Amino acid sequence: MLLVLSAEHRAHLSCLPRAGGAAVGELGRLALEHLRRGAALRACEAAARKLNVGVDTIQHGVEGLVYLLTESSKLMISEVDFQDSIHVLGFSDELNKSLLQLYLDNRKEIRSILGELAPRFPSYHSLEWRLDVQLASRSLRQQIKPAVTMKLHLNQNEDQTAQVLQTDPATLLHLIQQLEQALGEMKMNHCRRIVRNMK
């Protein structure tokens, strides 16, 4: 699977040859720090002075490397696919080897950083439900008014919460149909490809 780089990301990465071969290591270190702690303008300024290039060049290079490394790590692309993905940039063989080594050395750490940054959504634990039917009231002697009450138990960060929901059977049936339709769409090739790339 190849990583497709947009024109903007190609432009950001195009500063790497201008910064020089030694810059890949420095920019790679800055890109990893950017992932761990966020953007650091002072570090970019220091690197710009050290490499004798503009601060904008360093910032664009770091942004380009962050994108290249995170997307490649998300997709866990192989060594060959990574080389094919960066080949379109037209870099020298030495620069391509440096980028490949940077990717191979850091992809596991990048995946763990991305895993920590991912939002933690509640997960299903159990469901209790009850069907209530009102057959009569003081004003209406004969009526049938059903209601479904559900207590949804969720796990979130090792804590358990509960949500109480109430609806009528017609709305519940409509909701079930919508969920079944969504599950059916998940079996389509396009959706499978999207989900596979999100992991």
N, C-alpha and C. Protein backbone atom coordinates (compact mmCIF):
# COMPACT_ATOMS: atom_id res chain seq x y z
N MET A 1 0.85 -1.17 0.00
CA MET A 1 0.00 0.00 0.00
C MET A 1 0.90 1.24 0.00
N LEU A 2 0.68 2.10 -0.96
CA LEU A 2 1.49 3.32 -1.07
C LEU A 2 0.83 4.46 -0.31
N LEU A 3 1.66 5.34 0.21
CA LEU A 3 1.19 6.55 0.86
C LEU A 3 1.16 7.64 -0.19
N VAL A 4 0.00 8.25 -0.40
CA VAL A 4 -0.14 9.30 -1.40
C VAL A 4 0.05 10.64 -0.70
N LEU A 5 1.03 11.40 -1.17
CA LEU A 5 1.34 12.70 -0.58
C LEU A 5 0.68 13.81 -1.39
N SER A 6 0.02 14.72 -0.69
CA SER A 6 -0.61 15.85 -1.37
C SER A 6 0.47 16.84 -1.83
N ALA A 7 0.07 17.80 -2.65
CA ALA A 7 1.02 18.81 -3.15
C ALA A 7 1.59 19.62 -1.98
N GLU A 8 0.76 19.89 -0.97
CA GLU A 8 1.22 20.66 0.19
C GLU A 8 2.30 19.90 0.95
N HIS A 9 2.07 18.60 1.18
CA HIS A 9 3.06 17.80 1.91
C HIS A 9 4.34 17.63 1.10
N ARG A 10 4.20 17.50 -0.22
CA ARG A 10 5.40 17.43 -1.07
C ARG A 10 6.21 18.72 -0.97
N ALA A 11 5.49 19.85 -0.95
CA ALA A 11 6.18 21.14 -0.84
C ALA A 11 6.91 21.25 0.49
N HIS A 12 6.27 20.78 1.58
CA HIS A 12 6.92 20.82 2.89
C HIS A 12 8.16 19.94 2.92
N LEU A 13 8.08 18.77 2.30
CA LEU A 13 9.22 17.86 2.31
C LEU A 13 10.31 18.28 1.33
N SER A 14 9.97 19.15 0.38
CA SER A 14 10.96 19.56 -0.62
C SER A 14 12.09 20.38 0.00
N CYS A 15 11.90 20.86 1.23
CA CYS A 15 12.96 21.65 1.88
C CYS A 15 14.08 20.75 2.40
N LEU A 16 13.86 19.45 2.48
CA LEU A 16 14.88 18.55 3.04
C LEU A 16 16.20 18.59 2.26
N PRO A 17 16.19 18.51 0.92
CA PRO A 17 17.47 18.58 0.22
C PRO A 17 18.18 19.93 0.41
N ARG A 18 17.40 21.00 0.55
CA ARG A 18 18.00 22.32 0.75
C ARG A 18 18.68 22.41 2.11
N ALA A 19 18.08 21.73 3.10
CA ALA A 19 18.65 21.77 4.45
C ALA A 19 19.90 20.91 4.56
N GLY A 20 20.07 19.97 3.66
CA GLY A 20 21.28 19.13 3.67
C GLY A 20 21.01 17.76 4.26
N GLY A 21 21.90 16.80 3.96
CA GLY A 21 21.74 15.41 4.41
C GLY A 21 21.73 15.26 5.91
N ALA A 22 22.54 16.09 6.61
CA ALA A 22 22.59 16.00 8.07
C ALA A 22 21.29 16.48 8.71
N ALA A 23 20.49 17.22 7.94
CA ALA A 23 19.27 17.80 8.49
C ALA A 23 18.20 16.75 8.78
N VAL A 24 18.24 15.63 8.08
CA VAL A 24 17.19 14.62 8.28
C VAL A 24 17.19 14.13 9.71
N GLY A 25 18.36 13.88 10.26
CA GLY A 25 18.44 13.43 11.65
C GLY A 25 17.90 14.48 12.60
N GLU A 26 18.30 15.74 12.38
CA GLU A 26 17.85 16.83 13.24
C GLU A 26 16.35 17.06 13.10
N LEU A 27 15.86 17.10 11.86
CA LEU A 27 14.43 17.30 11.63
C LEU A 27 13.62 16.10 12.11
N GLY A 28 14.18 14.90 11.98
CA GLY A 28 13.51 13.70 12.50
C GLY A 28 13.35 13.78 14.01
N ARG A 29 14.41 14.24 14.69
CA ARG A 29 14.34 14.40 16.15
C ARG A 29 13.27 15.43 16.52
N LEU A 30 13.24 16.55 15.78
CA LEU A 30 12.23 17.59 16.03
C LEU A 30 10.81 17.07 15.75
N ALA A 31 10.68 16.25 14.69
CA ALA A 31 9.36 15.70 14.36
C ALA A 31 8.87 14.78 15.48
N LEU A 32 9.76 13.96 16.03
CA LEU A 32 9.37 13.07 17.13
C LEU A 32 9.03 13.87 18.38
N GLU A 33 9.80 14.94 18.66
CA GLU A 33 9.48 15.81 19.79
C GLU A 33 8.13 16.50 19.58
N HIS A 34 7.86 16.87 18.34
CA HIS A 34 6.57 17.49 18.00
C HIS A 34 5.43 16.52 18.31
N LEU A 35 5.62 15.25 17.99
CA LEU A 35 4.58 14.25 18.28
C LEU A 35 4.43 14.02 19.78
N ARG A 36 5.54 14.00 20.50
CA ARG A 36 5.49 13.71 21.93
C ARG A 36 4.93 14.87 22.74
N ARG A 37 5.41 16.10 22.42
CA ARG A 37 5.10 17.24 23.29
C ARG A 37 4.40 18.40 22.60
N GLY A 38 4.27 18.34 21.28
CA GLY A 38 3.69 19.46 20.56
C GLY A 38 4.78 20.32 19.93
N ALA A 39 4.34 21.32 19.17
CA ALA A 39 5.28 22.18 18.44
C ALA A 39 6.15 22.99 19.41
N ALA A 40 7.43 23.11 19.08
CA ALA A 40 8.37 23.88 19.91
C ALA A 40 9.11 24.85 19.00
N LEU A 41 8.70 26.11 19.04
CA LEU A 41 9.29 27.14 18.17
C LEU A 41 10.76 27.36 18.49
N ARG A 42 11.12 27.33 19.77
CA ARG A 42 12.52 27.56 20.15
C ARG A 42 13.44 26.48 19.58
N ALA A 43 12.97 25.24 19.62
CA ALA A 43 13.78 24.14 19.07
C ALA A 43 13.97 24.32 17.56
N CYS A 44 12.91 24.79 16.87
CA CYS A 44 13.01 25.04 15.43
C CYS A 44 13.99 26.18 15.15
N GLU A 45 13.94 27.22 15.97
CA GLU A 45 14.86 28.35 15.80
C GLU A 45 16.31 27.90 16.02
N ALA A 46 16.53 27.08 17.05
CA ALA A 46 17.88 26.58 17.33
C ALA A 46 18.38 25.71 16.17
N ALA A 47 17.51 24.86 15.64
CA ALA A 47 17.89 24.00 14.52
C ALA A 47 18.17 24.83 13.27
N ALA A 48 17.41 25.91 13.07
CA ALA A 48 17.63 26.77 11.91
C ALA A 48 19.00 27.44 11.98
N ARG A 49 19.38 27.89 13.18
CA ARG A 49 20.71 28.49 13.35
C ARG A 49 21.82 27.45 13.13
N LYS A 50 21.59 26.25 13.67
CA LYS A 50 22.58 25.19 13.58
C LYS A 50 22.80 24.75 12.13
N LEU A 51 21.70 24.65 11.37
CA LEU A 51 21.78 24.19 9.98
C LEU A 51 21.94 25.34 8.99
N ASN A 52 21.88 26.58 9.50
CA ASN A 52 22.05 27.77 8.67
C ASN A 52 20.98 27.87 7.57
N VAL A 53 19.72 27.64 7.96
CA VAL A 53 18.57 27.78 7.05
C VAL A 53 17.50 28.58 7.77
N GLY A 54 16.45 28.97 7.04
CA GLY A 54 15.38 29.75 7.64
C GLY A 54 14.52 28.92 8.58
N VAL A 55 13.89 29.61 9.55
CA VAL A 55 13.01 28.93 10.51
C VAL A 55 11.81 28.32 9.79
N ASP A 56 11.28 29.02 8.77
CA ASP A 56 10.14 28.49 8.01
C ASP A 56 10.50 27.17 7.33
N THR A 57 11.72 27.10 6.83
CA THR A 57 12.17 25.86 6.18
C THR A 57 12.17 24.71 7.18
N ILE A 58 12.66 24.97 8.38
CA ILE A 58 12.70 23.94 9.43
C ILE A 58 11.27 23.54 9.82
N GLN A 59 10.40 24.54 10.03
CA GLN A 59 9.02 24.23 10.44
C GLN A 59 8.30 23.43 9.38
N HIS A 60 8.47 23.80 8.10
CA HIS A 60 7.80 23.05 7.03
C HIS A 60 8.37 21.64 6.93
N GLY A 61 9.68 21.53 7.09
CA GLY A 61 10.30 20.20 7.06
C GLY A 61 9.79 19.31 8.18
N VAL A 62 9.65 19.88 9.38
CA VAL A 62 9.14 19.11 10.53
C VAL A 62 7.69 18.70 10.27
N GLU A 63 6.87 19.63 9.78
CA GLU A 63 5.46 19.30 9.49
C GLU A 63 5.36 18.21 8.44
N GLY A 64 6.19 18.31 7.40
CA GLY A 64 6.18 17.28 6.36
C GLY A 64 6.61 15.92 6.89
N LEU A 65 7.65 15.92 7.73
CA LEU A 65 8.12 14.65 8.31
C LEU A 65 7.09 14.07 9.27
N VAL A 66 6.45 14.92 10.06
CA VAL A 66 5.42 14.44 10.99
C VAL A 66 4.31 13.74 10.20
N TYR A 67 3.86 14.37 9.12
CA TYR A 67 2.81 13.75 8.30
C TYR A 67 3.30 12.43 7.71
N LEU A 68 4.49 12.45 7.11
CA LEU A 68 5.02 11.25 6.47
C LEU A 68 5.16 10.10 7.46
N LEU A 69 5.71 10.38 8.63
CA LEU A 69 5.94 9.33 9.62
C LEU A 69 4.65 8.84 10.26
N THR A 70 3.73 9.76 10.59
CA THR A 70 2.49 9.32 11.24
C THR A 70 1.61 8.52 10.29
N GLU A 71 1.45 8.99 9.06
CA GLU A 71 0.60 8.26 8.11
C GLU A 71 1.21 6.91 7.76
N SER A 72 2.52 6.87 7.58
CA SER A 72 3.19 5.59 7.27
C SER A 72 3.06 4.63 8.44
N SER A 73 3.20 5.15 9.67
CA SER A 73 3.09 4.29 10.85
C SER A 73 1.66 3.82 11.08
N LYS A 74 0.69 4.69 10.82
CA LYS A 74 -0.72 4.28 10.95
C LYS A 74 -1.03 3.11 10.05
N LEU A 75 -0.56 3.21 8.81
CA LEU A 75 -0.85 2.16 7.82
C LEU A 75 0.11 0.98 7.92
N MET A 76 1.17 1.14 8.74
CA MET A 76 2.21 0.11 8.89
C MET A 76 2.68 -0.36 7.51
N ILE A 77 3.00 0.61 6.66
CA ILE A 77 3.42 0.24 5.31
C ILE A 77 4.81 -0.42 5.37
N SER A 78 5.03 -1.28 4.44
CA SER A 78 6.29 -2.04 4.42
C SER A 78 7.44 -1.15 3.98
N GLU A 79 8.63 -1.70 4.12
CA GLU A 79 9.85 -0.98 3.73
C GLU A 79 9.82 -0.62 2.25
N VAL A 80 9.41 -1.57 1.41
CA VAL A 80 9.35 -1.35 -0.04
C VAL A 80 8.31 -0.28 -0.38
N ASP A 81 7.12 -0.36 0.26
CA ASP A 81 6.07 0.62 -0.01
C ASP A 81 6.49 2.02 0.44
N PHE A 82 7.21 2.09 1.56
CA PHE A 82 7.69 3.39 2.03
C PHE A 82 8.65 3.99 1.00
N GLN A 83 9.57 3.16 0.52
CA GLN A 83 10.53 3.64 -0.49
C GLN A 83 9.81 4.10 -1.75
N ASP A 84 8.80 3.33 -2.18
CA ASP A 84 8.03 3.72 -3.37
C ASP A 84 7.26 5.02 -3.13
N SER A 85 6.77 5.22 -1.90
CA SER A 85 6.00 6.42 -1.57
C SER A 85 6.87 7.67 -1.63
N ILE A 86 8.12 7.57 -1.15
CA ILE A 86 8.98 8.76 -1.15
C ILE A 86 9.78 8.91 -2.44
N HIS A 87 9.77 7.86 -3.27
CA HIS A 87 10.50 7.92 -4.54
C HIS A 87 9.98 9.05 -5.43
N VAL A 88 8.67 9.32 -5.36
CA VAL A 88 8.07 10.36 -6.20
C VAL A 88 8.58 11.76 -5.85
N LEU A 89 9.23 11.90 -4.68
CA LEU A 89 9.73 13.21 -4.26
C LEU A 89 11.00 13.60 -5.00
N GLY A 90 11.66 12.61 -5.60
CA GLY A 90 12.86 12.90 -6.38
C GLY A 90 14.09 13.18 -5.55
N PHE A 91 14.16 12.65 -4.34
CA PHE A 91 15.32 12.86 -3.48
C PHE A 91 16.46 11.94 -3.90
N SER A 92 17.65 12.25 -3.41
CA SER A 92 18.82 11.40 -3.68
C SER A 92 18.66 10.07 -2.94
N ASP A 93 19.42 9.07 -3.37
CA ASP A 93 19.36 7.76 -2.72
C ASP A 93 19.76 7.85 -1.26
N GLU A 94 20.75 8.69 -0.96
CA GLU A 94 21.21 8.85 0.42
C GLU A 94 20.11 9.42 1.31
N LEU A 95 19.40 10.43 0.79
CA LEU A 95 18.31 11.05 1.55
C LEU A 95 17.15 10.06 1.73
N ASN A 96 16.85 9.30 0.68
CA ASN A 96 15.79 8.28 0.79
C ASN A 96 16.14 7.23 1.83
N LYS A 97 17.42 6.82 1.87
CA LYS A 97 17.84 5.83 2.87
C LYS A 97 17.74 6.39 4.28
N SER A 98 18.07 7.66 4.44
CA SER A 98 17.97 8.31 5.76
C SER A 98 16.52 8.36 6.21
N LEU A 99 15.60 8.71 5.29
CA LEU A 99 14.17 8.77 5.64
C LEU A 99 13.64 7.38 5.98
N LEU A 100 14.06 6.37 5.20
CA LEU A 100 13.63 5.00 5.47
C LEU A 100 14.11 4.55 6.84
N GLN A 101 15.36 4.84 7.17
CA GLN A 101 15.90 4.44 8.47
C GLN A 101 15.17 5.15 9.61
N LEU A 102 14.87 6.43 9.40
CA LEU A 102 14.11 7.19 10.39
C LEU A 102 12.75 6.54 10.64
N TYR A 103 12.08 6.14 9.56
CA TYR A 103 10.77 5.47 9.66
C TYR A 103 10.89 4.13 10.39
N LEU A 104 11.84 3.30 9.96
CA LEU A 104 11.97 1.96 10.54
C LEU A 104 12.35 2.02 12.02
N ASP A 105 13.18 2.99 12.40
CA ASP A 105 13.62 3.10 13.79
C ASP A 105 12.52 3.59 14.72
N ASN A 106 11.55 4.33 14.19
CA ASN A 106 10.60 5.02 15.07
C ASN A 106 9.14 4.64 14.88
N ARG A 107 8.82 3.73 13.95
CA ARG A 107 7.39 3.48 13.68
C ARG A 107 6.65 2.89 14.87
N LYS A 108 7.29 2.03 15.65
CA LYS A 108 6.60 1.45 16.82
C LYS A 108 6.30 2.52 17.86
N GLU A 109 7.26 3.39 18.11
CA GLU A 109 7.04 4.47 19.08
C GLU A 109 5.95 5.42 18.59
N ILE A 110 5.96 5.72 17.30
CA ILE A 110 4.95 6.62 16.74
C ILE A 110 3.57 6.01 16.87
N ARG A 111 3.45 4.73 16.60
CA ARG A 111 2.14 4.06 16.76
C ARG A 111 1.66 4.10 18.21
N SER A 112 2.59 3.94 19.15
CA SER A 112 2.18 4.00 20.56
C SER A 112 1.77 5.42 20.95
N ILE A 113 2.47 6.43 20.42
CA ILE A 113 2.08 7.83 20.69
C ILE A 113 0.71 8.10 20.11
N LEU A 114 0.47 7.65 18.88
CA LEU A 114 -0.84 7.86 18.25
C LEU A 114 -1.94 7.13 19.01
N GLY A 115 -1.62 5.95 19.55
CA GLY A 115 -2.60 5.20 20.34
C GLY A 115 -2.99 5.93 21.61
N GLU A 116 -2.00 6.62 22.23
CA GLU A 116 -2.30 7.40 23.44
C GLU A 116 -3.11 8.63 23.12
N LEU A 117 -2.93 9.20 21.93
CA LEU A 117 -3.65 10.41 21.55
C LEU A 117 -5.08 10.12 21.11
N ALA A 118 -5.36 8.86 20.75
CA ALA A 118 -6.69 8.52 20.27
C ALA A 118 -7.72 8.70 21.39
N PRO A 119 -8.89 9.24 21.05
CA PRO A 119 -9.92 9.42 22.09
C PRO A 119 -10.42 8.08 22.62
N ARG A 120 -10.70 8.05 23.90
CA ARG A 120 -11.20 6.84 24.53
C ARG A 120 -12.72 6.94 24.63
N PHE A 121 -13.41 6.15 23.82
CA PHE A 121 -14.86 6.16 23.83
C PHE A 121 -15.36 5.08 24.78
N PRO A 122 -16.54 5.30 25.37
CA PRO A 122 -17.09 4.26 26.23
C PRO A 122 -17.39 2.99 25.43
N SER A 123 -17.27 1.86 26.07
CA SER A 123 -17.57 0.59 25.41
C SER A 123 -18.76 -0.08 26.11
N TYR A 124 -19.44 -0.89 25.34
CA TYR A 124 -20.65 -1.59 25.82
C TYR A 124 -20.27 -2.62 26.89
N HIS A 125 -21.08 -2.68 27.95
CA HIS A 125 -20.90 -3.71 28.98
C HIS A 125 -22.12 -4.62 29.03
N SER A 126 -23.29 -4.01 29.24
CA SER A 126 -24.53 -4.82 29.29
C SER A 126 -25.74 -3.91 29.08
N LEU A 127 -26.88 -4.56 28.89
CA LEU A 127 -28.12 -3.83 28.65
C LEU A 127 -29.25 -4.50 29.42
N GLU A 128 -29.99 -3.68 30.15
CA GLU A 128 -31.22 -4.15 30.79
C GLU A 128 -32.38 -3.44 30.09
N TRP A 129 -33.49 -4.14 29.90
CA TRP A 129 -34.62 -3.48 29.27
C TRP A 129 -35.92 -3.96 29.90
N ARG A 130 -36.95 -3.14 29.72
CA ARG A 130 -38.26 -3.44 30.26
C ARG A 130 -39.31 -2.85 29.33
N LEU A 131 -40.40 -3.58 29.13
CA LEU A 131 -41.52 -3.10 28.31
C LEU A 131 -42.67 -2.74 29.24
N ASP A 132 -43.07 -1.49 29.21
CA ASP A 132 -44.20 -1.01 30.00
C ASP A 132 -45.35 -0.69 29.05
N VAL A 133 -46.56 -1.09 29.45
CA VAL A 133 -47.74 -0.79 28.64
C VAL A 133 -48.79 -0.18 29.54
N GLN A 134 -49.22 1.02 29.19
CA GLN A 134 -50.31 1.68 29.92
C GLN A 134 -51.60 1.32 29.21
N LEU A 135 -52.49 0.64 29.94
CA LEU A 135 -53.72 0.15 29.35
C LEU A 135 -54.90 1.09 29.54
N ALA A 136 -54.86 1.88 30.60
CA ALA A 136 -55.98 2.80 30.87
C ALA A 136 -55.49 3.93 31.76
N SER A 137 -56.26 5.01 31.74
CA SER A 137 -56.01 6.12 32.65
C SER A 137 -57.36 6.63 33.13
N ARG A 138 -57.36 7.62 33.99
CA ARG A 138 -58.65 8.12 34.48
C ARG A 138 -59.49 8.71 33.37
N SER A 139 -58.83 9.38 32.44
CA SER A 139 -59.60 10.02 31.37
C SER A 139 -59.92 9.07 30.21
N LEU A 140 -59.04 8.12 29.95
CA LEU A 140 -59.28 7.16 28.86
C LEU A 140 -59.31 5.76 29.45
N ARG A 141 -60.46 5.13 29.34
CA ARG A 141 -60.62 3.80 29.91
C ARG A 141 -59.87 2.73 29.13
N GLN A 142 -59.83 2.91 27.81
CA GLN A 142 -59.14 1.90 27.00
C GLN A 142 -58.12 2.59 26.10
N GLN A 143 -56.88 2.31 26.40
CA GLN A 143 -55.79 2.80 25.56
C GLN A 143 -54.62 1.84 25.69
N ILE A 144 -53.83 1.80 24.67
CA ILE A 144 -52.62 0.98 24.74
C ILE A 144 -51.46 1.91 24.39
N LYS A 145 -50.61 2.15 25.38
CA LYS A 145 -49.47 3.06 25.20
C LYS A 145 -48.21 2.33 25.67
N PRO A 146 -47.50 1.65 24.72
CA PRO A 146 -46.29 0.92 25.10
C PRO A 146 -45.07 1.84 25.18
N ALA A 147 -44.13 1.48 26.03
CA ALA A 147 -42.86 2.20 26.14
C ALA A 147 -41.76 1.20 26.50
N VAL A 148 -40.64 1.33 25.85
CA VAL A 148 -39.50 0.47 26.11
C VAL A 148 -38.47 1.31 26.89
N THR A 149 -38.10 0.81 28.07
CA THR A 149 -37.09 1.47 28.89
C THR A 149 -35.84 0.61 28.89
N MET A 150 -34.71 1.25 28.60
CA MET A 150 -33.44 0.51 28.53
C MET A 150 -32.43 1.17 29.45
N LYS A 151 -31.66 0.35 30.12
CA LYS A 151 -30.55 0.84 30.94
C LYS A 151 -29.28 0.28 30.32
N LEU A 152 -28.50 1.18 29.74
CA LEU A 152 -27.30 0.81 29.02
C LEU A 152 -26.09 1.01 29.94
N HIS A 153 -25.39 -0.08 30.24
CA HIS A 153 -24.20 -0.03 31.10
C HIS A 153 -22.97 0.07 30.20
N LEU A 154 -22.10 1.06 30.48
CA LEU A 154 -20.91 1.32 29.67
C LEU A 154 -19.66 1.29 30.53
N ASN A 155 -18.56 0.88 29.91
CA ASN A 155 -17.24 0.94 30.56
C ASN A 155 -16.47 2.10 29.94
N GLN A 156 -15.89 2.94 30.80
CA GLN A 156 -15.03 4.01 30.31
C GLN A 156 -13.92 4.24 31.33
N ASN A 157 -12.67 4.02 30.86
CA ASN A 157 -11.50 4.18 31.72
C ASN A 157 -11.64 3.40 33.03
N GLU A 158 -12.07 2.16 32.92
CA GLU A 158 -12.24 1.25 34.05
C GLU A 158 -13.35 1.68 35.02
N ASP A 159 -14.12 2.68 34.65
CA ASP A 159 -15.30 3.08 35.42
C ASP A 159 -16.53 2.61 34.68
N GLN A 160 -17.57 2.31 35.45
CA GLN A 160 -18.82 1.88 34.82
C GLN A 160 -19.88 2.95 35.00
N THR A 161 -20.52 3.31 33.90
CA THR A 161 -21.61 4.29 33.94
C THR A 161 -22.86 3.64 33.36
N ALA A 162 -23.99 4.27 33.62
CA ALA A 162 -25.25 3.75 33.09
C ALA A 162 -26.06 4.90 32.51
N GLN A 163 -26.70 4.65 31.40
CA GLN A 163 -27.58 5.62 30.75
C GLN A 163 -28.96 5.00 30.64
N VAL A 164 -29.97 5.74 31.06
CA VAL A 164 -31.34 5.25 30.96
C VAL A 164 -31.99 5.92 29.76
N LEU A 165 -32.56 5.10 28.89
CA LEU A 165 -33.21 5.59 27.67
C LEU A 165 -34.62 5.05 27.62
N GLN A 166 -35.53 5.87 27.10
CA GLN A 166 -36.91 5.41 26.96
C GLN A 166 -37.43 5.83 25.60
N THR A 167 -38.13 4.92 24.94
CA THR A 167 -38.67 5.21 23.62
C THR A 167 -39.91 4.36 23.38
N ASP A 168 -40.61 4.67 22.31
CA ASP A 168 -41.77 3.84 21.94
C ASP A 168 -41.29 2.78 20.94
N PRO A 169 -42.02 1.68 20.79
CA PRO A 169 -41.57 0.59 19.92
C PRO A 169 -41.34 1.00 18.47
N ALA A 170 -42.14 1.92 17.93
CA ALA A 170 -41.98 2.33 16.53
C ALA A 170 -40.62 3.02 16.32
N THR A 171 -40.25 3.89 17.23
CA THR A 171 -38.95 4.56 17.13
C THR A 171 -37.82 3.56 17.30
N LEU A 172 -37.98 2.61 18.20
CA LEU A 172 -36.97 1.59 18.41
C LEU A 172 -36.78 0.73 17.16
N LEU A 173 -37.87 0.37 16.50
CA LEU A 173 -37.78 -0.40 15.26
C LEU A 173 -37.06 0.40 14.17
N HIS A 174 -37.37 1.69 14.08
CA HIS A 174 -36.70 2.54 13.10
C HIS A 174 -35.19 2.61 13.38
N LEU A 175 -34.83 2.74 14.65
CA LEU A 175 -33.43 2.79 15.05
C LEU A 175 -32.72 1.48 14.69
N ILE A 176 -33.37 0.36 14.94
CA ILE A 176 -32.80 -0.96 14.60
C ILE A 176 -32.56 -1.05 13.09
N GLN A 177 -33.54 -0.59 12.29
CA GLN A 177 -33.38 -0.63 10.83
C GLN A 177 -32.19 0.22 10.38
N GLN A 178 -32.04 1.41 10.98
CA GLN A 178 -30.91 2.29 10.62
C GLN A 178 -29.57 1.65 10.97
N LEU A 179 -29.51 1.01 12.15
CA LEU A 179 -28.27 0.35 12.56
C LEU A 179 -27.95 -0.85 11.66
N GLU A 180 -28.97 -1.61 11.28
CA GLU A 180 -28.75 -2.74 10.38
C GLU A 180 -28.29 -2.26 9.01
N GLN A 181 -28.83 -1.13 8.54
CA GLN A 181 -28.41 -0.56 7.27
C GLN A 181 -26.94 -0.12 7.36
N ALA A 182 -26.57 0.51 8.47
CA ALA A 182 -25.18 0.95 8.66
C ALA A 182 -24.24 -0.25 8.69
N LEU A 183 -24.65 -1.33 9.38
CA LEU A 183 -23.81 -2.54 9.41
C LEU A 183 -23.67 -3.15 8.03
N GLY A 184 -24.76 -3.10 7.25
CA GLY A 184 -24.69 -3.60 5.86
C GLY A 184 -23.72 -2.80 5.02
N GLU A 185 -23.69 -1.47 5.22
CA GLU A 185 -22.77 -0.62 4.47
C GLU A 185 -21.33 -0.86 4.88
N MET A 186 -21.12 -1.27 6.14
CA MET A 186 -19.76 -1.55 6.60
C MET A 186 -19.14 -2.74 5.87
N LYS A 187 -19.96 -3.58 5.26
CA LYS A 187 -19.45 -4.75 4.54
C LYS A 187 -19.00 -4.40 3.13
N MET A 188 -19.31 -3.16 2.69
CA MET A 188 -18.89 -2.74 1.35
C MET A 188 -17.37 -2.54 1.32
N ASN A 189 -16.77 -2.78 0.17
CA ASN A 189 -15.31 -2.70 0.03
C ASN A 189 -14.78 -1.32 0.38
N HIS A 190 -15.49 -0.27 -0.03
CA HIS A 190 -15.03 1.10 0.23
C HIS A 190 -14.92 1.35 1.73
N CYS A 191 -15.94 0.93 2.49
CA CYS A 191 -15.92 1.13 3.94
C CYS A 191 -14.84 0.28 4.60
N ARG A 192 -14.66 -0.93 4.13
CA ARG A 192 -13.61 -1.79 4.69
C ARG A 192 -12.24 -1.16 4.52
N ARG A 193 -12.02 -0.56 3.34
CA ARG A 193 -10.74 0.09 3.08
C ARG A 193 -10.52 1.27 4.02
N ILE A 194 -11.56 2.05 4.26
CA ILE A 194 -11.45 3.20 5.17
C ILE A 194 -11.15 2.73 6.58
N VAL A 195 -11.87 1.72 7.06
CA VAL A 195 -11.65 1.21 8.42
C VAL A 195 -10.26 0.64 8.57
N ARG A 196 -9.79 -0.08 7.55
CA ARG A 196 -8.45 -0.67 7.59
C ARG A 196 -7.39 0.43 7.69
N ASN A 197 -7.59 1.54 7.02
CA ASN A 197 -6.62 2.64 7.07
C ASN A 197 -6.71 3.44 8.35
N MET A 198 -7.82 3.36 9.07
CA MET A 198 -7.97 4.09 10.32
C MET A 198 -7.23 3.41 11.46
N LYS A 199 -6.99 2.12 11.36
CA LYS A 199 -6.36 1.38 12.47
C LYS A 199 -4.89 1.70 12.57
